[in-house]
PDB file of all heavy atoms in Angstrom:
ATOM      1  N   GLN A   1      -4.159   9.687 -15.393  1.00  0.00           N
ATOM      2  CA  GLN A   1      -3.131  10.717 -15.281  1.00  0.00           C
ATOM      3  C   GLN A   1      -1.757  10.075 -15.133  1.00  0.00           C
ATOM      4  O   GLN A   1      -1.517   9.267 -14.233  1.00  0.00           O
ATOM      5  CB  GLN A   1      -3.421  11.588 -14.052  1.00  0.00           C
ATOM      6  CG  GLN A   1      -2.411  12.684 -13.803  1.00  0.00           C
ATOM      7  CD  GLN A   1      -2.568  13.270 -12.412  1.00  0.00           C
ATOM      8  OE1 GLN A   1      -2.544  12.539 -11.420  1.00  0.00           O
ATOM      9  NE2 GLN A   1      -2.747  14.577 -12.345  1.00  0.00           N
ATOM     10  N   PHE A   2      -0.829  10.454 -16.030  1.00  0.00           N
ATOM     11  CA  PHE A   2       0.553   9.986 -15.943  1.00  0.00           C
ATOM     12  C   PHE A   2       1.381  11.038 -15.205  1.00  0.00           C
ATOM     13  O   PHE A   2       1.381  12.219 -15.594  1.00  0.00           O
ATOM     14  CB  PHE A   2       1.150   9.771 -17.332  1.00  0.00           C
ATOM     15  CG  PHE A   2       0.481   8.685 -18.136  1.00  0.00           C
ATOM     16  CD1 PHE A   2       0.543   8.718 -19.529  1.00  0.00           C
ATOM     17  CD2 PHE A   2      -0.187   7.642 -17.529  1.00  0.00           C
ATOM     18  CE1 PHE A   2      -0.055   7.718 -20.287  1.00  0.00           C
ATOM     19  CE2 PHE A   2      -0.796   6.633 -18.278  1.00  0.00           C
ATOM     20  CZ  PHE A   2      -0.725   6.675 -19.656  1.00  0.00           C
ATOM     21  N   LEU A   3       2.092  10.626 -14.178  1.00  0.00           N
ATOM     22  CA  LEU A   3       2.992  11.515 -13.448  1.00  0.00           C
ATOM     23  C   LEU A   3       4.375  10.880 -13.364  1.00  0.00           C
ATOM     24  O   LEU A   3       4.495   9.670 -13.138  1.00  0.00           O
ATOM     25  CB  LEU A   3       2.483  11.767 -12.023  1.00  0.00           C
ATOM     26  CG  LEU A   3       1.159  12.519 -11.855  1.00  0.00           C
ATOM     27  CD1 LEU A   3       0.810  12.656 -10.373  1.00  0.00           C
ATOM     28  CD2 LEU A   3       1.224  13.894 -12.502  1.00  0.00           C
ATOM     29  N   GLY A   4       5.406  11.701 -13.530  1.00  0.00           N
ATOM     30  CA  GLY A   4       6.771  11.233 -13.355  1.00  0.00           C
ATOM     31  C   GLY A   4       7.315  11.676 -12.016  1.00  0.00           C
ATOM     32  O   GLY A   4       6.922  12.717 -11.477  1.00  0.00           O
ATOM     33  N   GLY A   5       8.224  10.891 -11.463  1.00  0.00           N
ATOM     34  CA  GLY A   5       8.835  11.236 -10.185  1.00  0.00           C
ATOM     35  C   GLY A   5       9.769  12.426 -10.302  1.00  0.00           C
ATOM     36  O   GLY A   5      10.223  12.786 -11.388  1.00  0.00           O
ATOM     37  N   ASP A   6      10.083  13.033  -9.152  1.00  0.00           N
ATOM     38  CA  ASP A   6      10.981  14.188  -9.155  1.00  0.00           C
ATOM     39  C   ASP A   6      12.425  13.715  -8.994  1.00  0.00           C
ATOM     40  O   ASP A   6      12.732  12.546  -9.245  1.00  0.00           O
ATOM     41  CB  ASP A   6      10.581  15.190  -8.070  1.00  0.00           C
ATOM     42  CG  ASP A   6      10.597  14.586  -6.672  1.00  0.00           C
ATOM     43  OD1 ASP A   6      11.313  13.586  -6.446  1.00  0.00           O
ATOM     44  OD2 ASP A   6       9.884  15.119  -5.801  1.00  0.00           O
ATOM     45  N   THR A   7      13.297  14.614  -8.611  1.00  0.00           N
ATOM     46  CA  THR A   7      14.717  14.280  -8.534  1.00  0.00           C
ATOM     47  C   THR A   7      15.092  13.544  -7.255  1.00  0.00           C
ATOM     48  O   THR A   7      16.217  13.076  -7.121  1.00  0.00           O
ATOM     49  CB  THR A   7      15.558  15.565  -8.627  1.00  0.00           C
ATOM     50  OG1 THR A   7      15.133  16.480  -7.602  1.00  0.00           O
ATOM     51  CG2 THR A   7      15.364  16.230  -9.989  1.00  0.00           C
ATOM     52  N   ASN A   8      14.164  13.440  -6.321  1.00  0.00           N
ATOM     53  CA  ASN A   8      14.424  12.731  -5.069  1.00  0.00           C
ATOM     54  C   ASN A   8      13.982  11.279  -5.218  1.00  0.00           C
ATOM     55  O   ASN A   8      12.790  11.004  -5.330  1.00  0.00           O
ATOM     56  CB  ASN A   8      13.658  13.395  -3.926  1.00  0.00           C
ATOM     57  CG  ASN A   8      13.887  12.707  -2.586  1.00  0.00           C
ATOM     58  OD1 ASN A   8      14.525  11.652  -2.517  1.00  0.00           O
ATOM     59  ND2 ASN A   8      13.353  13.285  -1.532  1.00  0.00           N
ATOM     60  N   PRO A   9      14.911  10.331  -5.216  1.00  0.00           N
ATOM     61  CA  PRO A   9      14.533   8.928  -5.447  1.00  0.00           C
ATOM     62  C   PRO A   9      13.638   8.356  -4.350  1.00  0.00           C
ATOM     63  O   PRO A   9      13.045   7.287  -4.533  1.00  0.00           O
ATOM     64  CB  PRO A   9      15.885   8.206  -5.493  1.00  0.00           C
ATOM     65  CG  PRO A   9      16.818   9.084  -4.729  1.00  0.00           C
ATOM     66  CD  PRO A   9      16.355  10.491  -4.997  1.00  0.00           C
ATOM     67  N   ASN A  10      13.543   9.054  -3.226  1.00  0.00           N
ATOM     68  CA  ASN A  10      12.717   8.565  -2.122  1.00  0.00           C
ATOM     69  C   ASN A  10      11.321   9.190  -2.097  1.00  0.00           C
ATOM     70  O   ASN A  10      10.495   8.835  -1.256  1.00  0.00           O
ATOM     71  CB  ASN A  10      13.413   8.837  -0.787  1.00  0.00           C
ATOM     72  CG  ASN A  10      14.732   8.096  -0.662  1.00  0.00           C
ATOM     73  OD1 ASN A  10      14.832   6.917  -1.005  1.00  0.00           O
ATOM     74  ND2 ASN A  10      15.758   8.792  -0.193  1.00  0.00           N
ATOM     75  N   SER A  11      11.055  10.113  -3.017  1.00  0.00           N
ATOM     76  CA  SER A  11       9.748  10.765  -3.022  1.00  0.00           C
ATOM     77  C   SER A  11       8.692   9.847  -3.629  1.00  0.00           C
ATOM     78  O   SER A  11       9.004   8.905  -4.360  1.00  0.00           O
ATOM     79  CB  SER A  11       9.813  12.076  -3.799  1.00  0.00           C
ATOM     80  OG  SER A  11      10.046  11.823  -5.165  1.00  0.00           O
ATOM     81  N   VAL A  12       7.446  10.135  -3.333  1.00  0.00           N
ATOM     82  CA  VAL A  12       6.333   9.323  -3.828  1.00  0.00           C
ATOM     83  C   VAL A  12       5.457  10.170  -4.743  1.00  0.00           C
ATOM     84  O   VAL A  12       4.998  11.244  -4.361  1.00  0.00           O
ATOM     85  CB  VAL A  12       5.486   8.776  -2.656  1.00  0.00           C
ATOM     86  CG1 VAL A  12       4.266   8.027  -3.185  1.00  0.00           C
ATOM     87  CG2 VAL A  12       6.331   7.871  -1.769  1.00  0.00           C
ATOM     88  N   ARG A  13       5.243   9.695  -5.958  1.00  0.00           N
ATOM     89  CA  ARG A  13       4.374  10.369  -6.925  1.00  0.00           C
ATOM     90  C   ARG A  13       3.769   9.295  -7.814  1.00  0.00           C
ATOM     91  O   ARG A  13       4.372   8.883  -8.797  1.00  0.00           O
ATOM     92  CB  ARG A  13       5.169  11.396  -7.734  1.00  0.00           C
ATOM     93  CG  ARG A  13       4.304  12.485  -8.393  1.00  0.00           C
ATOM     94  CD  ARG A  13       5.165  13.622  -8.907  1.00  0.00           C
ATOM     95  NE  ARG A  13       4.338  14.744  -9.337  1.00  0.00           N
ATOM     96  CZ  ARG A  13       4.313  15.225 -10.585  1.00  0.00           C
ATOM     97  NH1 ARG A  13       5.049  14.668 -11.527  1.00  0.00           N
ATOM     98  NH2 ARG A  13       3.548  16.263 -10.892  1.00  0.00           N
ATOM     99  N   THR A  14       2.602   8.829  -7.460  1.00  0.00           N
ATOM    100  CA  THR A  14       1.992   7.719  -8.180  1.00  0.00           C
ATOM    101  C   THR A  14       1.602   8.116  -9.590  1.00  0.00           C
ATOM    102  O   THR A  14       1.431   9.294  -9.908  1.00  0.00           O
ATOM    103  CB  THR A  14       0.755   7.214  -7.436  1.00  0.00           C
ATOM    104  OG1 THR A  14      -0.203   8.282  -7.337  1.00  0.00           O
ATOM    105  CG2 THR A  14       1.115   6.733  -6.035  1.00  0.00           C
ATOM    106  N   THR A  15       1.436   7.123 -10.441  1.00  0.00           N
ATOM    107  CA  THR A  15       1.024   7.348 -11.821  1.00  0.00           C
ATOM    108  C   THR A  15      -0.177   6.468 -12.153  1.00  0.00           C
ATOM    109  O   THR A  15      -0.597   5.638 -11.346  1.00  0.00           O
ATOM    110  CB  THR A  15       2.184   7.085 -12.800  1.00  0.00           C
ATOM    111  OG1 THR A  15       1.845   7.567 -14.096  1.00  0.00           O
ATOM    112  CG2 THR A  15       2.542   5.613 -12.870  1.00  0.00           C
ATOM    113  N   SER A  16      -0.730   6.655 -13.337  1.00  0.00           N
ATOM    114  CA  SER A  16      -1.966   5.982 -13.744  1.00  0.00           C
ATOM    115  C   SER A  16      -3.070   6.267 -12.722  1.00  0.00           C
ATOM    116  O   SER A  16      -3.850   5.394 -12.346  1.00  0.00           O
ATOM    117  CB  SER A  16      -1.756   4.474 -13.924  1.00  0.00           C
ATOM    118  OG  SER A  16      -2.598   3.973 -14.939  1.00  0.00           O
ATOM    119  N   ASN A  17      -3.100   7.523 -12.284  1.00  0.00           N
ATOM    120  CA  ASN A  17      -4.138   7.978 -11.357  1.00  0.00           C
ATOM    121  C   ASN A  17      -5.448   8.219 -12.111  1.00  0.00           C
ATOM    122  O   ASN A  17      -5.490   8.167 -13.337  1.00  0.00           O
ATOM    123  CB  ASN A  17      -3.697   9.275 -10.674  1.00  0.00           C
ATOM    124  CG  ASN A  17      -2.370   9.124  -9.964  1.00  0.00           C
ATOM    125  OD1 ASN A  17      -2.158   8.185  -9.203  1.00  0.00           O
ATOM    126  ND2 ASN A  17      -1.447  10.051 -10.221  1.00  0.00           N
ATOM    127  N   LEU A  18      -6.495   8.519 -11.394  1.00  0.00           N
ATOM    128  CA  LEU A  18      -7.791   8.827 -11.993  1.00  0.00           C
ATOM    129  C   LEU A  18      -8.072  10.317 -11.891  1.00  0.00           C
ATOM    130  O   LEU A  18      -7.932  10.902 -10.814  1.00  0.00           O
ATOM    131  CB  LEU A  18      -8.906   8.065 -11.260  1.00  0.00           C
ATOM    132  CG  LEU A  18     -10.347   8.511 -11.559  1.00  0.00           C
ATOM    133  CD1 LEU A  18     -10.734   8.158 -12.989  1.00  0.00           C
ATOM    134  CD2 LEU A  18     -11.324   7.884 -10.563  1.00  0.00           C
ATOM    135  N   CYS A  19      -8.469  10.946 -13.004  1.00  0.00           N
ATOM    136  CA  CYS A  19      -8.998  12.303 -12.990  1.00  0.00           C
ATOM    137  C   CYS A  19     -10.282  12.324 -13.831  1.00  0.00           C
ATOM    138  O   CYS A  19     -10.450  11.502 -14.733  1.00  0.00           O
ATOM    139  CB  CYS A  19      -7.988  13.322 -13.516  1.00  0.00           C
ATOM    140  SG  CYS A  19      -6.572  13.567 -12.416  1.00  0.00           S
ATOM    141  N   THR A  20     -11.163  13.278 -13.539  1.00  0.00           N
ATOM    142  CA  THR A  20     -12.509  13.223 -14.117  1.00  0.00           C
ATOM    143  C   THR A  20     -12.965  14.581 -14.646  1.00  0.00           C
ATOM    144  O   THR A  20     -13.796  15.246 -14.025  1.00  0.00           O
ATOM    145  CB  THR A  20     -13.508  12.717 -13.056  1.00  0.00           C
ATOM    146  OG1 THR A  20     -13.400  13.566 -11.890  1.00  0.00           O
ATOM    147  CG2 THR A  20     -13.227  11.286 -12.653  1.00  0.00           C
ATOM    148  N   PRO A  21     -12.459  15.015 -15.803  1.00  0.00           N
ATOM    149  CA  PRO A  21     -12.930  16.280 -16.383  1.00  0.00           C
ATOM    150  C   PRO A  21     -14.350  16.159 -16.934  1.00  0.00           C
ATOM    151  O   PRO A  21     -14.581  15.508 -17.953  1.00  0.00           O
ATOM    152  CB  PRO A  21     -11.912  16.550 -17.502  1.00  0.00           C
ATOM    153  CG  PRO A  21     -11.380  15.198 -17.861  1.00  0.00           C
ATOM    154  CD  PRO A  21     -11.405  14.392 -16.605  1.00  0.00           C
ATOM    155  N   GLY A  22     -15.310  16.746 -16.200  1.00  0.00           N
ATOM    156  CA  GLY A  22     -16.701  16.712 -16.628  1.00  0.00           C
ATOM    157  C   GLY A  22     -17.362  15.364 -16.464  1.00  0.00           C
ATOM    158  O   GLY A  22     -18.372  15.082 -17.117  1.00  0.00           O
ATOM    159  N   THR A  23     -16.811  14.530 -15.565  1.00  0.00           N
ATOM    160  CA  THR A  23     -17.325  13.175 -15.400  1.00  0.00           C
ATOM    161  C   THR A  23     -17.315  12.748 -13.935  1.00  0.00           C
ATOM    162  O   THR A  23     -16.702  13.386 -13.082  1.00  0.00           O
ATOM    163  CB  THR A  23     -16.498  12.159 -16.212  1.00  0.00           C
ATOM    164  OG1 THR A  23     -15.112  12.274 -15.833  1.00  0.00           O
ATOM    165  CG2 THR A  23     -16.627  12.407 -17.702  1.00  0.00           C
ATOM    166  N   HIS A  24     -18.004  11.649 -13.668  1.00  0.00           N
ATOM    167  CA  HIS A  24     -17.968  10.961 -12.377  1.00  0.00           C
ATOM    168  C   HIS A  24     -17.784   9.469 -12.650  1.00  0.00           C
ATOM    169  O   HIS A  24     -18.041   8.987 -13.758  1.00  0.00           O
ATOM    170  CB  HIS A  24     -19.272  11.153 -11.592  1.00  0.00           C
ATOM    171  CG  HIS A  24     -19.540  12.551 -11.143  1.00  0.00           C
ATOM    172  ND1 HIS A  24     -18.566  13.369 -10.616  1.00  0.00           N
ATOM    173  CD2 HIS A  24     -20.697  13.274 -11.128  1.00  0.00           C
ATOM    174  CE1 HIS A  24     -19.104  14.540 -10.297  1.00  0.00           C
ATOM    175  NE2 HIS A  24     -20.385  14.506 -10.602  1.00  0.00           N
ATOM    176  N   VAL A  25     -17.378   8.732 -11.613  1.00  0.00           N
ATOM    177  CA  VAL A  25     -17.328   7.275 -11.678  1.00  0.00           C
ATOM    178  C   VAL A  25     -17.849   6.722 -10.351  1.00  0.00           C
ATOM    179  O   VAL A  25     -18.104   7.480  -9.409  1.00  0.00           O
ATOM    180  CB  VAL A  25     -15.886   6.751 -11.923  1.00  0.00           C
ATOM    181  CG1 VAL A  25     -15.323   7.289 -13.233  1.00  0.00           C
ATOM    182  CG2 VAL A  25     -14.966   7.099 -10.759  1.00  0.00           C
ATOM    183  N   VAL A  26     -17.990   5.412 -10.285  1.00  0.00           N
ATOM    184  CA  VAL A  26     -18.383   4.747  -9.047  1.00  0.00           C
ATOM    185  C   VAL A  26     -17.201   3.931  -8.544  1.00  0.00           C
ATOM    186  O   VAL A  26     -16.615   3.137  -9.291  1.00  0.00           O
ATOM    187  CB  VAL A  26     -19.613   3.837  -9.269  1.00  0.00           C
ATOM    188  CG1 VAL A  26     -19.877   2.971  -8.036  1.00  0.00           C
ATOM    189  CG2 VAL A  26     -20.840   4.688  -9.584  1.00  0.00           C
ATOM    190  N   ILE A  27     -16.821   4.157  -7.288  1.00  0.00           N
ATOM    191  CA  ILE A  27     -15.740   3.418  -6.641  1.00  0.00           C
ATOM    192  C   ILE A  27     -16.288   2.823  -5.352  1.00  0.00           C
ATOM    193  O   ILE A  27     -16.880   3.538  -4.532  1.00  0.00           O
ATOM    194  CB  ILE A  27     -14.528   4.321  -6.339  1.00  0.00           C
ATOM    195  CG1 ILE A  27     -13.958   4.901  -7.638  1.00  0.00           C
ATOM    196  CG2 ILE A  27     -13.444   3.547  -5.589  1.00  0.00           C
ATOM    197  CD1 ILE A  27     -12.796   5.852  -7.426  1.00  0.00           C
ATOM    198  N   ASN A  28     -16.102   1.525  -5.181  1.00  0.00           N
ATOM    199  CA  ASN A  28     -16.616   0.830  -3.993  1.00  0.00           C
ATOM    200  C   ASN A  28     -18.102   1.101  -3.789  1.00  0.00           C
ATOM    201  O   ASN A  28     -18.568   1.361  -2.670  1.00  0.00           O
ATOM    202  CB  ASN A  28     -15.817   1.238  -2.744  1.00  0.00           C
ATOM    203  CG  ASN A  28     -14.364   0.812  -2.827  1.00  0.00           C
ATOM    204  OD1 ASN A  28     -14.043  -0.233  -3.385  1.00  0.00           O
ATOM    205  ND2 ASN A  28     -13.475   1.630  -2.289  1.00  0.00           N
ATOM    206  N   ASN A  29     -18.844   1.054  -4.888  1.00  0.00           N
ATOM    207  CA  ASN A  29     -20.308   1.196  -4.875  1.00  0.00           C
ATOM    208  C   ASN A  29     -20.794   2.584  -4.483  1.00  0.00           C
ATOM    209  O   ASN A  29     -21.970   2.765  -4.168  1.00  0.00           O
ATOM    210  CB  ASN A  29     -20.947   0.158  -3.952  1.00  0.00           C
ATOM    211  CG  ASN A  29     -20.701  -1.264  -4.429  1.00  0.00           C
ATOM    212  OD1 ASN A  29     -20.829  -1.553  -5.624  1.00  0.00           O
ATOM    213  ND2 ASN A  29     -20.337  -2.151  -3.510  1.00  0.00           N
ATOM    214  N   GLU A  30     -19.915   3.579  -4.502  1.00  0.00           N
ATOM    215  CA  GLU A  30     -20.301   4.950  -4.197  1.00  0.00           C
ATOM    216  C   GLU A  30     -19.870   5.877  -5.325  1.00  0.00           C
ATOM    217  O   GLU A  30     -18.781   5.723  -5.883  1.00  0.00           O
ATOM    218  CB  GLU A  30     -19.686   5.416  -2.876  1.00  0.00           C
ATOM    219  CG  GLU A  30     -20.200   4.662  -1.660  1.00  0.00           C
ATOM    220  CD  GLU A  30     -19.669   5.239  -0.359  1.00  0.00           C
ATOM    221  OE1 GLU A  30     -18.902   6.232  -0.417  1.00  0.00           O
ATOM    222  OE2 GLU A  30     -19.992   4.687   0.704  1.00  0.00           O
ATOM    223  N   LEU A  31     -20.725   6.852  -5.642  1.00  0.00           N
ATOM    224  CA  LEU A  31     -20.400   7.819  -6.679  1.00  0.00           C
ATOM    225  C   LEU A  31     -19.213   8.661  -6.223  1.00  0.00           C
ATOM    226  O   LEU A  31     -19.240   9.278  -5.156  1.00  0.00           O
ATOM    227  CB  LEU A  31     -21.597   8.720  -6.965  1.00  0.00           C
ATOM    228  CG  LEU A  31     -21.459   9.650  -8.181  1.00  0.00           C
ATOM    229  CD1 LEU A  31     -21.427   8.834  -9.468  1.00  0.00           C
ATOM    230  CD2 LEU A  31     -22.608  10.657  -8.209  1.00  0.00           C
ATOM    231  N   PHE A  32     -18.157   8.692  -7.046  1.00  0.00           N
ATOM    232  CA  PHE A  32     -16.951   9.444  -6.714  1.00  0.00           C
ATOM    233  C   PHE A  32     -17.003  10.774  -7.455  1.00  0.00           C
ATOM    234  O   PHE A  32     -16.992  10.816  -8.685  1.00  0.00           O
ATOM    235  CB  PHE A  32     -15.709   8.646  -7.137  1.00  0.00           C
ATOM    236  CG  PHE A  32     -14.406   9.335  -6.817  1.00  0.00           C
ATOM    237  CD1 PHE A  32     -13.885   9.309  -5.539  1.00  0.00           C
ATOM    238  CD2 PHE A  32     -13.709  10.018  -7.802  1.00  0.00           C
ATOM    239  CE1 PHE A  32     -12.685   9.945  -5.241  1.00  0.00           C
ATOM    240  CE2 PHE A  32     -12.512  10.656  -7.523  1.00  0.00           C
ATOM    241  CZ  PHE A  32     -12.000  10.614  -6.236  1.00  0.00           C
ATOM    242  N   THR A  33     -17.090  11.867  -6.714  1.00  0.00           N
ATOM    243  CA  THR A  33     -17.253  13.185  -7.327  1.00  0.00           C
ATOM    244  C   THR A  33     -16.025  14.092  -7.242  1.00  0.00           C
ATOM    245  O   THR A  33     -15.989  15.098  -7.963  1.00  0.00           O
ATOM    246  CB  THR A  33     -18.456  13.910  -6.710  1.00  0.00           C
ATOM    247  OG1 THR A  33     -18.265  14.041  -5.302  1.00  0.00           O
ATOM    248  CG2 THR A  33     -19.749  13.137  -6.970  1.00  0.00           C
ATOM    249  N   PRO A  34     -15.011  13.835  -6.384  1.00  0.00           N
ATOM    250  CA  PRO A  34     -13.800  14.660  -6.457  1.00  0.00           C
ATOM    251  C   PRO A  34     -13.137  14.532  -7.829  1.00  0.00           C
ATOM    252  O   PRO A  34     -13.430  13.608  -8.589  1.00  0.00           O
ATOM    253  CB  PRO A  34     -12.908  14.076  -5.351  1.00  0.00           C
ATOM    254  CG  PRO A  34     -13.854  13.425  -4.403  1.00  0.00           C
ATOM    255  CD  PRO A  34     -14.954  12.873  -5.267  1.00  0.00           C
ATOM    256  N   HIS A  35     -12.221  15.447  -8.127  1.00  0.00           N
ATOM    257  CA  HIS A  35     -11.637  15.456  -9.467  1.00  0.00           C
ATOM    258  C   HIS A  35     -10.623  14.347  -9.680  1.00  0.00           C
ATOM    259  O   HIS A  35     -10.592  13.725 -10.753  1.00  0.00           O
ATOM    260  CB  HIS A  35     -10.978  16.808  -9.733  1.00  0.00           C
ATOM    261  CG  HIS A  35     -10.330  16.910 -11.085  1.00  0.00           C
ATOM    262  ND1 HIS A  35     -10.949  16.503 -12.249  1.00  0.00           N
ATOM    263  CD2 HIS A  35      -9.096  17.352 -11.457  1.00  0.00           C
ATOM    264  CE1 HIS A  35     -10.150  16.708 -13.277  1.00  0.00           C
ATOM    265  NE2 HIS A  35      -9.017  17.206 -12.823  1.00  0.00           N
ATOM    266  N   CYS A  36      -9.773  14.076  -8.704  1.00  0.00           N
ATOM    267  CA  CYS A  36      -8.707  13.094  -8.899  1.00  0.00           C
ATOM    268  C   CYS A  36      -8.582  12.155  -7.706  1.00  0.00           C
ATOM    269  O   CYS A  36      -8.951  12.502  -6.584  1.00  0.00           O
ATOM    270  CB  CYS A  36      -7.361  13.781  -9.136  1.00  0.00           C
ATOM    271  SG  CYS A  36      -7.221  14.660 -10.709  1.00  0.00           S
ATOM    272  N   LYS A  37      -8.038  10.978  -7.980  1.00  0.00           N
ATOM    273  CA  LYS A  37      -7.756   9.989  -6.942  1.00  0.00           C
ATOM    274  C   LYS A  37      -6.468   9.278  -7.307  1.00  0.00           C
ATOM    275  O   LYS A  37      -6.315   8.795  -8.428  1.00  0.00           O
ATOM    276  CB  LYS A  37      -8.895   8.977  -6.820  1.00  0.00           C
ATOM    277  CG  LYS A  37      -8.680   7.910  -5.740  1.00  0.00           C
ATOM    278  CD  LYS A  37      -9.876   6.982  -5.653  1.00  0.00           C
ATOM    279  CE  LYS A  37      -9.646   5.847  -4.665  1.00  0.00           C
ATOM    280  NZ  LYS A  37      -9.437   6.347  -3.286  1.00  0.00           N
ATOM    281  N   ASN A  38      -5.534   9.225  -6.350  1.00  0.00           N
ATOM    282  CA  ASN A  38      -4.259   8.572  -6.608  1.00  0.00           C
ATOM    283  C   ASN A  38      -4.420   7.066  -6.719  1.00  0.00           C
ATOM    284  O   ASN A  38      -5.235   6.453  -6.026  1.00  0.00           O
ATOM    285  CB  ASN A  38      -3.259   8.886  -5.498  1.00  0.00           C
ATOM    286  CG  ASN A  38      -2.737  10.300  -5.572  1.00  0.00           C
ATOM    287  OD1 ASN A  38      -2.896  10.989  -6.579  1.00  0.00           O
ATOM    288  ND2 ASN A  38      -2.113  10.764  -4.495  1.00  0.00           N
ATOM    289  N   SER A  39      -3.610   6.480  -7.582  1.00  0.00           N
ATOM    290  CA  SER A  39      -3.582   5.028  -7.708  1.00  0.00           C
ATOM    291  C   SER A  39      -2.686   4.449  -6.604  1.00  0.00           C
ATOM    292  O   SER A  39      -2.148   5.176  -5.768  1.00  0.00           O
ATOM    293  CB  SER A  39      -3.039   4.638  -9.081  1.00  0.00           C
ATOM    294  OG  SER A  39      -1.625   4.802  -9.126  1.00  0.00           O
ATOM    295  N   THR A  40      -2.501   3.145  -6.646  1.00  0.00           N
ATOM    296  CA  THR A  40      -1.623   2.470  -5.677  1.00  0.00           C
ATOM    297  C   THR A  40      -0.277   2.124  -6.305  1.00  0.00           C
ATOM    298  O   THR A  40       0.434   1.251  -5.805  1.00  0.00           O
ATOM    299  CB  THR A  40      -2.286   1.196  -5.145  1.00  0.00           C
ATOM    300  OG1 THR A  40      -2.585   0.318  -6.254  1.00  0.00           O
ATOM    301  CG2 THR A  40      -3.569   1.527  -4.394  1.00  0.00           C
ATOM    302  N   SER A  41       0.085   2.816  -7.388  1.00  0.00           N
ATOM    303  CA  SER A  41       1.319   2.478  -8.103  1.00  0.00           C
ATOM    304  C   SER A  41       2.562   2.909  -7.336  1.00  0.00           C
ATOM    305  O   SER A  41       2.512   3.733  -6.424  1.00  0.00           O
ATOM    306  CB  SER A  41       1.328   3.137  -9.480  1.00  0.00           C
ATOM    307  OG  SER A  41       1.779   4.477  -9.404  1.00  0.00           O
ATOM    308  N   LYS A  42       3.695   2.402  -7.785  1.00  0.00           N
ATOM    309  CA  LYS A  42       4.970   2.903  -7.300  1.00  0.00           C
ATOM    310  C   LYS A  42       5.303   4.182  -8.063  1.00  0.00           C
ATOM    311  O   LYS A  42       4.569   4.584  -8.986  1.00  0.00           O
ATOM    312  CB  LYS A  42       6.069   1.865  -7.491  1.00  0.00           C
ATOM    313  CG  LYS A  42       6.465   1.626  -8.946  1.00  0.00           C
ATOM    314  CD  LYS A  42       7.582   0.578  -9.027  1.00  0.00           C
ATOM    315  CE  LYS A  42       8.119   0.445 -10.451  1.00  0.00           C
ATOM    316  NZ  LYS A  42       9.178  -0.596 -10.558  1.00  0.00           N
ATOM    317  N   THR A  43       6.411   4.816  -7.719  1.00  0.00           N
ATOM    318  CA  THR A  43       6.856   6.031  -8.407  1.00  0.00           C
ATOM    319  C   THR A  43       7.898   5.663  -9.467  1.00  0.00           C
ATOM    320  O   THR A  43       8.807   4.875  -9.206  1.00  0.00           O
ATOM    321  CB  THR A  43       7.469   7.026  -7.409  1.00  0.00           C
ATOM    322  OG1 THR A  43       6.493   7.337  -6.418  1.00  0.00           O
ATOM    323  CG2 THR A  43       7.901   8.302  -8.101  1.00  0.00           C
TER     324      THR A  43
END
């Protein structure tokens, strides 16, 4: 998922996040079932 920051230069909105339409993945050896997970990117 690509997200752009808002008009506040101090706000946080990460990009290159993970979303899973009709899918699952494994993170840290556990099945990840929520729809989205934020990355550790800057804004």
